[in-house]
Amino acid sequence: MKSFEQLWTELSDKVEKNDSNSASVKLVNQGVHAVGKKVVEEASEAWMACEHEDKNRAAEEISQLIYQTQLLMLAANVSLDDVYKKL
């Protein structure tokens, strides 16, 4: 289990090192548009899981949405501090 900040650190490190074995890094390298499409996909899946499935499936889909949202942040060069200032 990871916290939001731990996931951010892990993903940031992979992107910074341009880890060629990471599908996430490859996606970030495709840019905001590619990652944004994944965020939209995951958002709809999270919504549908919350509407029609159990709590565990909803949590799984929400976790994937958070993951993809962090990748979008990295692709757009938006930091945690940038987001926290707006919360």
Protein backbone atom coordinates (compact mmCIF):
# COMPACT_ATOMS: atom_id res chain seq x y z
CA MET A 1 0.00 0.00 0.00
CA LYS A 2 1.28 3.47 -0.91
CA SER A 3 0.26 6.95 0.06
CA PHE A 4 -0.46 9.64 -2.52
CA GLU A 5 2.94 11.19 -1.80
CA GLN A 6 4.78 7.85 -2.02
CA LEU A 7 3.22 7.15 -5.40
CA TRP A 8 4.20 10.65 -6.53
CA THR A 9 7.81 10.08 -5.49
CA GLU A 10 7.96 6.72 -7.26
CA LEU A 11 6.46 8.03 -10.50
CA SER A 12 8.54 11.22 -10.43
CA ASP A 13 11.72 9.19 -10.03
CA LYS A 14 10.82 6.89 -12.94
CA VAL A 15 10.04 9.85 -15.20
CA GLU A 16 13.17 11.73 -14.13
CA LYS A 17 15.32 8.66 -14.89
CA ASN A 18 13.36 8.12 -18.14
CA ASP A 19 13.00 4.43 -17.24
CA SER A 20 12.68 2.77 -20.65
CA ASN A 21 11.09 -0.34 -19.11
CA SER A 22 8.20 1.64 -17.64
CA ALA A 23 4.92 1.84 -19.55
CA SER A 24 4.04 4.84 -17.40
CA VAL A 25 7.17 6.70 -18.51
CA LYS A 26 6.43 5.85 -22.13
CA LEU A 27 2.93 7.29 -21.69
CA VAL A 28 4.20 10.48 -20.03
CA ASN A 29 6.70 10.89 -22.87
CA GLN A 30 3.76 10.86 -25.32
CA GLY A 31 2.53 14.04 -23.68
CA VAL A 32 -0.49 15.61 -22.05
CA HIS A 33 -2.94 14.54 -24.75
CA ALA A 34 -2.11 10.83 -24.44
CA VAL A 35 -2.16 10.87 -20.66
CA GLY A 36 -5.30 12.99 -20.59
CA LYS A 37 -7.13 10.36 -22.63
CA LYS A 38 -6.18 7.77 -19.99
CA VAL A 39 -7.46 10.06 -17.21
CA VAL A 40 -10.81 10.42 -18.98
CA GLU A 41 -11.00 6.65 -19.48
CA GLU A 42 -10.20 5.94 -15.84
CA ALA A 43 -12.63 8.60 -14.63
CA SER A 44 -15.48 6.96 -16.51
CA GLU A 45 -14.49 3.52 -15.23
CA ALA A 46 -14.35 4.84 -11.65
CA TRP A 47 -17.76 6.42 -12.05
CA MET A 48 -19.29 3.23 -13.46
CA ALA A 49 -17.71 1.10 -10.74
CA CYS A 50 -19.14 3.40 -8.07
CA GLU A 51 -22.57 3.28 -9.74
CA HIS A 52 -22.80 -0.42 -10.53
CA GLU A 53 -20.15 -2.44 -8.70
CA ASP A 54 -19.01 -3.10 -5.17
CA LYS A 55 -16.77 -0.99 -2.96
CA ASN A 56 -13.64 -2.99 -3.81
CA ARG A 57 -14.05 -2.45 -7.56
CA ALA A 58 -14.81 1.21 -6.97
CA ALA A 59 -11.64 1.57 -4.90
CA GLU A 60 -9.61 -0.21 -7.59
CA GLU A 61 -10.87 2.08 -10.33
CA ILE A 62 -10.41 5.20 -8.18
CA SER A 63 -6.82 4.14 -7.46
CA GLN A 64 -6.19 3.84 -11.20
CA LEU A 65 -7.68 7.31 -11.70
CA ILE A 66 -5.33 8.73 -9.06
CA TYR A 67 -2.38 6.98 -10.72
CA GLN A 68 -3.21 8.37 -14.15
CA THR A 69 -3.88 11.81 -12.69
CA GLN A 70 -0.39 11.84 -11.24
CA LEU A 71 0.99 10.88 -14.65
CA LEU A 72 -0.94 13.80 -16.13
CA MET A 73 0.59 16.08 -13.54
CA LEU A 74 4.04 14.88 -14.54
CA ALA A 75 3.30 15.27 -18.26
CA ALA A 76 2.07 18.83 -17.63
CA ASN A 77 4.89 19.70 -15.22
CA VAL A 78 2.45 20.32 -12.37
CA SER A 79 3.89 19.60 -8.93
CA LEU A 80 2.20 18.40 -5.76
CA ASP A 81 2.77 21.85 -4.29
CA ASP A 82 1.02 23.41 -7.31
CA VAL A 83 -2.03 21.22 -6.64
CA TYR A 84 -1.94 21.58 -2.85
CA LYS A 85 -2.06 25.38 -3.24
CA LYS A 86 -5.44 24.95 -4.93
CA LEU A 87 -6.99 22.51 -2.44
